[in-house]
Amino acid sequence: MSDERASTEHFDHELDVTGLNCPLPILRTKRELVRLEVGEVLKVRATDPHAVVDFLAFTEKTAHRMRAHWNADGVYTFLVQKGA
């Protein structure tokens, strides 16, 4: 996804976990998702290269949905929609 399109993506809340390594990005994301309403979108920024695998597995195994993800200059961004 281009940076231009990324800037137009809708999200309701934002979480910055840059500088943290596995498993902290996912653990903090899970904690933040608890606070959201079903259907709201959380934008997460991470720098751990393993985050892509972790976030894709997380959304495949839970009710949450990966709306989009991209990498720009070593920062991985995920848009995760809270499931029921």
PDB file of N, CA and C in Angstrom:
ATOM      1  N   MET A   1       0.849  -1.172   0.000  1.00  0.00           N
ATOM      2  CA  MET A   1       0.000   0.000   0.000  1.00  0.00           C
ATOM      3  C   MET A   1       0.889   1.228   0.000  1.00  0.00           C
ATOM      4  N   SER A   2       0.575   2.191  -0.817  1.00  0.00           N
ATOM      5  CA  SER A   2       1.382   3.398  -0.902  1.00  0.00           C
ATOM      6  C   SER A   2       1.137   4.282   0.314  1.00  0.00           C
ATOM      7  N   ASP A   3       2.100   5.154   0.606  1.00  0.00           N
ATOM      8  CA  ASP A   3       1.932   6.076   1.725  1.00  0.00           C
ATOM      9  C   ASP A   3       0.745   6.997   1.501  1.00  0.00           C
ATOM     10  N   GLU A   4       0.471   7.370   0.221  1.00  0.00           N
ATOM     11  CA  GLU A   4      -0.655   8.245  -0.081  1.00  0.00           C
ATOM     12  C   GLU A   4      -1.976   7.575   0.288  1.00  0.00           C
ATOM     13  N   ARG A   5      -2.157   6.339  -0.115  1.00  0.00           N
ATOM     14  CA  ARG A   5      -3.396   5.623   0.220  1.00  0.00           C
ATOM     15  C   ARG A   5      -3.481   5.383   1.726  1.00  0.00           C
ATOM     16  N   ALA A   6      -2.341   5.063   2.328  1.00  0.00           N
ATOM     17  CA  ALA A   6      -2.322   4.799   3.765  1.00  0.00           C
ATOM     18  C   ALA A   6      -2.830   6.003   4.552  1.00  0.00           C
ATOM     19  N   SER A   7      -2.538   7.194   4.092  1.00  0.00           N
ATOM     20  CA  SER A   7      -2.958   8.387   4.826  1.00  0.00           C
ATOM     21  C   SER A   7      -4.453   8.613   4.739  1.00  0.00           C
ATOM     22  N   THR A   8      -5.142   7.948   3.806  1.00  0.00           N
ATOM     23  CA  THR A   8      -6.585   8.121   3.669  1.00  0.00           C
ATOM     24  C   THR A   8      -7.365   6.990   4.331  1.00  0.00           C
ATOM     25  N   GLU A   9      -6.686   5.981   4.834  1.00  0.00           N
ATOM     26  CA  GLU A   9      -7.365   4.861   5.484  1.00  0.00           C
ATOM     27  C   GLU A   9      -7.998   5.318   6.798  1.00  0.00           C
ATOM     28  N   HIS A  10      -9.212   4.872   7.048  1.00  0.00           N
ATOM     29  CA  HIS A  10      -9.942   5.230   8.263  1.00  0.00           C
ATOM     30  C   HIS A  10      -9.472   4.385   9.449  1.00  0.00           C
ATOM     31  N   PHE A  11      -9.312   5.033  10.583  1.00  0.00           N
ATOM     32  CA  PHE A  11      -9.073   4.322  11.839  1.00  0.00           C
ATOM     33  C   PHE A  11      -9.640   5.156  12.975  1.00  0.00           C
ATOM     34  N   ASP A  12      -9.988   4.471  14.061  1.00  0.00           N
ATOM     35  CA  ASP A  12     -10.605   5.140  15.207  1.00  0.00           C
ATOM     36  C   ASP A  12      -9.620   5.418  16.336  1.00  0.00           C
ATOM     37  N   HIS A  13      -8.644   4.542  16.485  1.00  0.00           N
ATOM     38  CA  HIS A  13      -7.660   4.665  17.562  1.00  0.00           C
ATOM     39  C   HIS A  13      -6.289   4.313  17.007  1.00  0.00           C
ATOM     40  N   GLU A  14      -5.256   4.778  17.683  1.00  0.00           N
ATOM     41  CA  GLU A  14      -3.890   4.537  17.216  1.00  0.00           C
ATOM     42  C   GLU A  14      -3.033   4.032  18.375  1.00  0.00           C
ATOM     43  N   LEU A  15      -2.137   3.103  18.057  1.00  0.00           N
ATOM     44  CA  LEU A  15      -1.233   2.526  19.048  1.00  0.00           C
ATOM     45  C   LEU A  15       0.160   2.474  18.446  1.00  0.00           C
ATOM     46  N   ASP A  16       1.129   3.030  19.142  1.00  0.00           N
ATOM     47  CA  ASP A  16       2.518   3.030  18.682  1.00  0.00           C
ATOM     48  C   ASP A  16       3.315   2.045  19.539  1.00  0.00           C
ATOM     49  N   VAL A  17       3.753   0.954  18.915  1.00  0.00           N
ATOM     50  CA  VAL A  17       4.574  -0.038  19.616  1.00  0.00           C
ATOM     51  C   VAL A  17       5.951  -0.131  18.970  1.00  0.00           C
ATOM     52  N   THR A  18       6.365   0.945  18.314  1.00  0.00           N
ATOM     53  CA  THR A  18       7.691   0.953  17.691  1.00  0.00           C
ATOM     54  C   THR A  18       8.744   0.800  18.783  1.00  0.00           C
ATOM     55  N   GLY A  19       9.793   0.077  18.447  1.00  0.00           N
ATOM     56  CA  GLY A  19      10.881  -0.165  19.392  1.00  0.00           C
ATOM     57  C   GLY A  19      10.670  -1.384  20.275  1.00  0.00           C
ATOM     58  N   LEU A  20       9.485  -1.961  20.247  1.00  0.00           N
ATOM     59  CA  LEU A  20       9.200  -3.145  21.057  1.00  0.00           C
ATOM     60  C   LEU A  20       9.317  -4.401  20.206  1.00  0.00           C
ATOM     61  N   ASN A  21       9.774  -5.469  20.810  1.00  0.00           N
ATOM     62  CA  ASN A  21       9.918  -6.749  20.109  1.00  0.00           C
ATOM     63  C   ASN A  21       8.897  -7.756  20.610  1.00  0.00           C
ATOM     64  N   CYS A  22       8.723  -8.800  19.816  1.00  0.00           N
ATOM     65  CA  CYS A  22       7.814  -9.895  20.101  1.00  0.00           C
ATOM     66  C   CYS A  22       8.048 -10.410  21.530  1.00  0.00           C
ATOM     67  N   PRO A  23       7.005 -10.606  22.282  1.00  0.00           N
ATOM     68  CA  PRO A  23       5.577 -10.588  21.953  1.00  0.00           C
ATOM     69  C   PRO A  23       4.873  -9.281  22.312  1.00  0.00           C
ATOM     70  N   LEU A  24       5.612  -8.244  22.713  1.00  0.00           N
ATOM     71  CA  LEU A  24       4.981  -7.028  23.231  1.00  0.00           C
ATOM     72  C   LEU A  24       4.049  -6.326  22.245  1.00  0.00           C
ATOM     73  N   PRO A  25       4.371  -6.219  20.945  1.00  0.00           N
ATOM     74  CA  PRO A  25       3.408  -5.554  20.050  1.00  0.00           C
ATOM     75  C   PRO A  25       2.031  -6.212  20.047  1.00  0.00           C
ATOM     76  N   ILE A  26       1.981  -7.522  19.986  1.00  0.00           N
ATOM     77  CA  ILE A  26       0.690  -8.216  19.996  1.00  0.00           C
ATOM     78  C   ILE A  26       0.013  -8.092  21.360  1.00  0.00           C
ATOM     79  N   LEU A  27       0.762  -8.235  22.434  1.00  0.00           N
ATOM     80  CA  LEU A  27       0.171  -8.136  23.769  1.00  0.00           C
ATOM     81  C   LEU A  27      -0.445  -6.758  24.010  1.00  0.00           C
ATOM     82  N   ARG A  28       0.245  -5.716  23.597  1.00  0.00           N
ATOM     83  CA  ARG A  28      -0.293  -4.356  23.767  1.00  0.00           C
ATOM     84  C   ARG A  28      -1.488  -4.112  22.853  1.00  0.00           C
ATOM     85  N   THR A  29      -1.451  -4.707  21.666  1.00  0.00           N
ATOM     86  CA  THR A  29      -2.582  -4.590  20.744  1.00  0.00           C
ATOM     87  C   THR A  29      -3.813  -5.269  21.335  1.00  0.00           C
ATOM     88  N   LYS A  30      -3.636  -6.463  21.879  1.00  0.00           N
ATOM     89  CA  LYS A  30      -4.754  -7.173  22.496  1.00  0.00           C
ATOM     90  C   LYS A  30      -5.350  -6.348  23.630  1.00  0.00           C
ATOM     91  N   ARG A  31      -4.507  -5.757  24.444  1.00  0.00           N
ATOM     92  CA  ARG A  31      -4.966  -4.941  25.566  1.00  0.00           C
ATOM     93  C   ARG A  31      -5.739  -3.717  25.069  1.00  0.00           C
ATOM     94  N   GLU A  32      -5.272  -3.121  23.986  1.00  0.00           N
ATOM     95  CA  GLU A  32      -5.949  -1.942  23.436  1.00  0.00           C
ATOM     96  C   GLU A  32      -7.277  -2.320  22.790  1.00  0.00           C
ATOM     97  N   LEU A  33      -7.335  -3.452  22.101  1.00  0.00           N
ATOM     98  CA  LEU A  33      -8.570  -3.880  21.446  1.00  0.00           C
ATOM     99  C   LEU A  33      -9.705  -4.105  22.441  1.00  0.00           C
ATOM    100  N   VAL A  34      -9.380  -4.500  23.662  1.00  0.00           N
ATOM    101  CA  VAL A  34     -10.401  -4.711  24.696  1.00  0.00           C
ATOM    102  C   VAL A  34     -11.178  -3.417  24.947  1.00  0.00           C
ATOM    103  N   ARG A  35     -10.520  -2.291  24.805  1.00  0.00           N
ATOM    104  CA  ARG A  35     -11.130  -0.988  25.090  1.00  0.00           C
ATOM    105  C   ARG A  35     -12.010  -0.478  23.955  1.00  0.00           C
ATOM    106  N   LEU A  36     -11.900  -1.070  22.766  1.00  0.00           N
ATOM    107  CA  LEU A  36     -12.630  -0.602  21.594  1.00  0.00           C
ATOM    108  C   LEU A  36     -14.008  -1.236  21.499  1.00  0.00           C
ATOM    109  N   GLU A  37     -14.870  -0.586  20.758  1.00  0.00           N
ATOM    110  CA  GLU A  37     -16.185  -1.128  20.436  1.00  0.00           C
ATOM    111  C   GLU A  37     -16.038  -2.030  19.204  1.00  0.00           C
ATOM    112  N   VAL A  38     -16.910  -3.029  19.088  1.00  0.00           N
ATOM    113  CA  VAL A  38     -16.903  -3.909  17.920  1.00  0.00           C
ATOM    114  C   VAL A  38     -17.044  -3.052  16.664  1.00  0.00           C
ATOM    115  N   GLY A  39     -16.194  -3.321  15.680  1.00  0.00           N
ATOM    116  CA  GLY A  39     -16.226  -2.595  14.414  1.00  0.00           C
ATOM    117  C   GLY A  39     -15.240  -1.440  14.333  1.00  0.00           C
ATOM    118  N   GLU A  40     -14.749  -0.967  15.480  1.00  0.00           N
ATOM    119  CA  GLU A  40     -13.772   0.117  15.443  1.00  0.00           C
ATOM    120  C   GLU A  40     -12.434  -0.412  14.926  1.00  0.00           C
ATOM    121  N   VAL A  41     -11.644   0.492  14.338  1.00  0.00           N
ATOM    122  CA  VAL A  41     -10.376   0.119  13.725  1.00  0.00           C
ATOM    123  C   VAL A  41      -9.226   0.719  14.524  1.00  0.00           C
ATOM    124  N   LEU A  42      -8.262  -0.131  14.835  1.00  0.00           N
ATOM    125  CA  LEU A  42      -7.052   0.268  15.549  1.00  0.00           C
ATOM    126  C   LEU A  42      -5.892   0.299  14.572  1.00  0.00           C
ATOM    127  N   LYS A  43      -5.215   1.433  14.503  1.00  0.00           N
ATOM    128  CA  LYS A  43      -4.005   1.567  13.682  1.00  0.00           C
ATOM    129  C   LYS A  43      -2.813   1.314  14.595  1.00  0.00           C
ATOM    130  N   VAL A  44      -2.005   0.317  14.246  1.00  0.00           N
ATOM    131  CA  VAL A  44      -0.841  -0.049  15.055  1.00  0.00           C
ATOM    132  C   VAL A  44       0.420   0.163  14.222  1.00  0.00           C
ATOM    133  N   ARG A  45       1.404   0.840  14.809  1.00  0.00           N
ATOM    134  CA  ARG A  45       2.701   1.039  14.173  1.00  0.00           C
ATOM    135  C   ARG A  45       3.744   0.258  14.960  1.00  0.00           C
ATOM    136  N   ALA A  46       4.535  -0.560  14.240  1.00  0.00           N
ATOM    137  CA  ALA A  46       5.544  -1.419  14.880  1.00  0.00           C
ATOM    138  C   ALA A  46       6.817  -1.420  14.048  1.00  0.00           C
ATOM    139  N   THR A  47       7.933  -1.746  14.682  1.00  0.00           N
ATOM    140  CA  THR A  47       9.204  -1.850  13.966  1.00  0.00           C
ATOM    141  C   THR A  47       9.794  -3.255  14.008  1.00  0.00           C
ATOM    142  N   ASP A  48       9.201  -4.138  14.781  1.00  0.00           N
ATOM    143  CA  ASP A  48       9.678  -5.516  14.858  1.00  0.00           C
ATOM    144  C   ASP A  48       9.395  -6.212  13.522  1.00  0.00           C
ATOM    145  N   PRO A  49      10.433  -6.688  12.807  1.00  0.00           N
ATOM    146  CA  PRO A  49      10.217  -7.329  11.510  1.00  0.00           C
ATOM    147  C   PRO A  49       9.320  -8.564  11.587  1.00  0.00           C
ATOM    148  N   HIS A  50       9.241  -9.191  12.722  1.00  0.00           N
ATOM    149  CA  HIS A  50       8.401 -10.375  12.887  1.00  0.00           C
ATOM    150  C   HIS A  50       6.932  -9.996  13.091  1.00  0.00           C
ATOM    151  N   ALA A  51       6.647  -8.719  13.232  1.00  0.00           N
ATOM    152  CA  ALA A  51       5.282  -8.264  13.508  1.00  0.00           C
ATOM    153  C   ALA A  51       4.306  -8.660  12.412  1.00  0.00           C
ATOM    154  N   VAL A  52       4.738  -8.681  11.167  1.00  0.00           N
ATOM    155  CA  VAL A  52       3.830  -9.037  10.075  1.00  0.00           C
ATOM    156  C   VAL A  52       3.292 -10.450  10.287  1.00  0.00           C
ATOM    157  N   VAL A  53       4.172 -11.393  10.552  1.00  0.00           N
ATOM    158  CA  VAL A  53       3.757 -12.778  10.801  1.00  0.00           C
ATOM    159  C   VAL A  53       2.849 -12.842  12.028  1.00  0.00           C
ATOM    160  N   ASP A  54       3.237 -12.152  13.085  1.00  0.00           N
ATOM    161  CA  ASP A  54       2.463 -12.171  14.329  1.00  0.00           C
ATOM    162  C   ASP A  54       1.062 -11.604  14.136  1.00  0.00           C
ATOM    163  N   PHE A  55       0.957 -10.455  13.480  1.00  0.00           N
ATOM    164  CA  PHE A  55      -0.346  -9.807  13.319  1.00  0.00           C
ATOM    165  C   PHE A  55      -1.253 -10.589  12.383  1.00  0.00           C
ATOM    166  N   LEU A  56      -0.694 -11.157  11.317  1.00  0.00           N
ATOM    167  CA  LEU A  56      -1.513 -11.966  10.412  1.00  0.00           C
ATOM    168  C   LEU A  56      -2.033 -13.215  11.125  1.00  0.00           C
ATOM    169  N   ALA A  57      -1.183 -13.868  11.893  1.00  0.00           N
ATOM    170  CA  ALA A  57      -1.611 -15.050  12.653  1.00  0.00           C
ATOM    171  C   ALA A  57      -2.654 -14.664  13.696  1.00  0.00           C
ATOM    172  N   PHE A  58      -2.442 -13.557  14.361  1.00  0.00           N
ATOM    173  CA  PHE A  58      -3.374 -13.086  15.386  1.00  0.00           C
ATOM    174  C   PHE A  58      -4.762 -12.861  14.799  1.00  0.00           C
ATOM    175  N   THR A  59      -4.836 -12.193  13.662  1.00  0.00           N
ATOM    176  CA  THR A  59      -6.151 -11.896  13.078  1.00  0.00           C
ATOM    177  C   THR A  59      -6.787 -13.127  12.436  1.00  0.00           C
ATOM    178  N   GLU A  60      -5.992 -14.093  12.036  1.00  0.00           N
ATOM    179  CA  GLU A  60      -6.551 -15.339  11.499  1.00  0.00           C
ATOM    180  C   GLU A  60      -7.148 -16.206  12.603  1.00  0.00           C
ATOM    181  N   LYS A  61      -6.614 -16.102  13.821  1.00  0.00           N
ATOM    182  CA  LYS A  61      -7.037 -16.975  14.919  1.00  0.00           C
ATOM    183  C   LYS A  61      -8.042 -16.324  15.860  1.00  0.00           C
ATOM    184  N   THR A  62      -8.385 -15.073  15.605  1.00  0.00           N
ATOM    185  CA  THR A  62      -9.324 -14.366  16.473  1.00  0.00           C
ATOM    186  C   THR A  62     -10.472 -13.824  15.626  1.00  0.00           C
ATOM    187  N   ALA A  63     -11.413 -13.172  16.271  1.00  0.00           N
ATOM    188  CA  ALA A  63     -12.546 -12.568  15.560  1.00  0.00           C
ATOM    189  C   ALA A  63     -12.178 -11.226  14.928  1.00  0.00           C
ATOM    190  N   HIS A  64     -10.972 -10.731  15.203  1.00  0.00           N
ATOM    191  CA  HIS A  64     -10.541  -9.446  14.664  1.00  0.00           C
ATOM    192  C   HIS A  64     -10.148  -9.597  13.187  1.00  0.00           C
ATOM    193  N   ARG A  65     -10.245  -8.501  12.449  1.00  0.00           N
ATOM    194  CA  ARG A  65      -9.995  -8.543  11.013  1.00  0.00           C
ATOM    195  C   ARG A  65      -8.853  -7.598  10.635  1.00  0.00           C
ATOM    196  N   MET A  66      -7.934  -8.089   9.806  1.00  0.00           N
ATOM    197  CA  MET A  66      -6.870  -7.248   9.274  1.00  0.00           C
ATOM    198  C   MET A  66      -7.441  -6.479   8.092  1.00  0.00           C
ATOM    199  N   ARG A  67      -7.607  -5.171   8.258  1.00  0.00           N
ATOM    200  CA  ARG A  67      -8.152  -4.338   7.179  1.00  0.00           C
ATOM    201  C   ARG A  67      -7.079  -4.019   6.140  1.00  0.00           C
ATOM    202  N   ALA A  68      -5.859  -3.785   6.603  1.00  0.00           N
ATOM    203  CA  ALA A  68      -4.747  -3.462   5.699  1.00  0.00           C
ATOM    204  C   ALA A  68      -3.459  -3.513   6.506  1.00  0.00           C
ATOM    205  N   HIS A  69      -2.362  -3.697   5.790  1.00  0.00           N
ATOM    206  CA  HIS A  69      -1.050  -3.572   6.436  1.00  0.00           C
ATOM    207  C   HIS A  69      -0.038  -3.188   5.373  1.00  0.00           C
ATOM    208  N   TRP A  70       0.981  -2.450   5.794  1.00  0.00           N
ATOM    209  CA  TRP A  70       2.025  -2.019   4.874  1.00  0.00           C
ATOM    210  C   TRP A  70       3.291  -1.698   5.654  1.00  0.00           C
ATOM    211  N   ASN A  71       4.374  -1.563   4.902  1.00  0.00           N
ATOM    212  CA  ASN A  71       5.692  -1.247   5.458  1.00  0.00           C
ATOM    213  C   ASN A  71       6.203  -0.011   4.737  1.00  0.00           C
ATOM    214  N   ALA A  72       6.586   0.991   5.479  1.00  0.00           N
ATOM    215  CA  ALA A  72       7.175   2.198   4.919  1.00  0.00           C
ATOM    216  C   ALA A  72       8.401   2.550   5.745  1.00  0.00           C
ATOM    217  N   ASP A  73       9.558   2.413   5.123  1.00  0.00           N
ATOM    218  CA  ASP A  73      10.824   2.772   5.777  1.00  0.00           C
ATOM    219  C   ASP A  73      11.042   2.037   7.093  1.00  0.00           C
ATOM    220  N   GLY A  74      10.707   0.748   7.124  1.00  0.00           N
ATOM    221  CA  GLY A  74      10.958  -0.065   8.309  1.00  0.00           C
ATOM    222  C   GLY A  74       9.919   0.050   9.402  1.00  0.00           C
ATOM    223  N   VAL A  75       8.859   0.804   9.155  1.00  0.00           N
ATOM    224  CA  VAL A  75       7.749   0.894  10.118  1.00  0.00           C
ATOM    225  C   VAL A  75       6.572   0.147   9.510  1.00  0.00           C
ATOM    226  N   TYR A  76       6.141  -0.872  10.223  1.00  0.00           N
ATOM    227  CA  TYR A  76       5.020  -1.701   9.788  1.00  0.00           C
ATOM    228  C   TYR A  76       3.742  -1.120  10.394  1.00  0.00           C
ATOM    229  N   THR A  77       2.758  -0.917   9.551  1.00  0.00           N
ATOM    230  CA  THR A  77       1.488  -0.360  10.002  1.00  0.00           C
ATOM    231  C   THR A  77       0.384  -1.369   9.722  1.00  0.00           C
ATOM    232  N   PHE A  78      -0.474  -1.549  10.715  1.00  0.00           N
ATOM    233  CA  PHE A  78      -1.574  -2.501  10.631  1.00  0.00           C
ATOM    234  C   PHE A  78      -2.864  -1.786  10.994  1.00  0.00           C
ATOM    235  N   LEU A  79      -3.913  -2.070  10.225  1.00  0.00           N
ATOM    236  CA  LEU A  79      -5.244  -1.594  10.565  1.00  0.00           C
ATOM    237  C   LEU A  79      -6.063  -2.818  10.950  1.00  0.00           C
ATOM    238  N   VAL A  80      -6.354  -2.922  12.236  1.00  0.00           N
ATOM    239  CA  VAL A  80      -7.044  -4.086  12.782  1.00  0.00           C
ATOM    240  C   VAL A  80      -8.438  -3.653  13.236  1.00  0.00           C
ATOM    241  N   GLN A  81      -9.447  -4.320  12.686  1.00  0.00           N
ATOM    242  CA  GLN A  81     -10.826  -4.028  13.063  1.00  0.00           C
ATOM    243  C   GLN A  81     -11.259  -5.006  14.150  1.00  0.00           C
ATOM    244  N   LYS A  82     -11.818  -4.439  15.224  1.00  0.00           N
ATOM    245  CA  LYS A  82     -12.242  -5.287  16.338  1.00  0.00           C
ATOM    246  C   LYS A  82     -13.445  -6.128  15.948  1.00  0.00           C
ATOM    247  N   GLY A  83     -13.338  -7.416  16.229  1.00  0.00           N
ATOM    248  CA  GLY A  83     -14.431  -8.346  15.967  1.00  0.00           C
ATOM    249  C   GLY A  83     -15.307  -8.530  17.195  1.00  0.00           C
ATOM    250  N   ALA A  84     -16.346  -9.314  17.017  1.00  0.00           N
ATOM    251  CA  ALA A  84     -17.296  -9.561  18.111  1.00  0.00           C
ATOM    252  C   ALA A  84     -16.719 -10.503  19.146  1.00  0.00           C
TER     253      ALA A  84
END
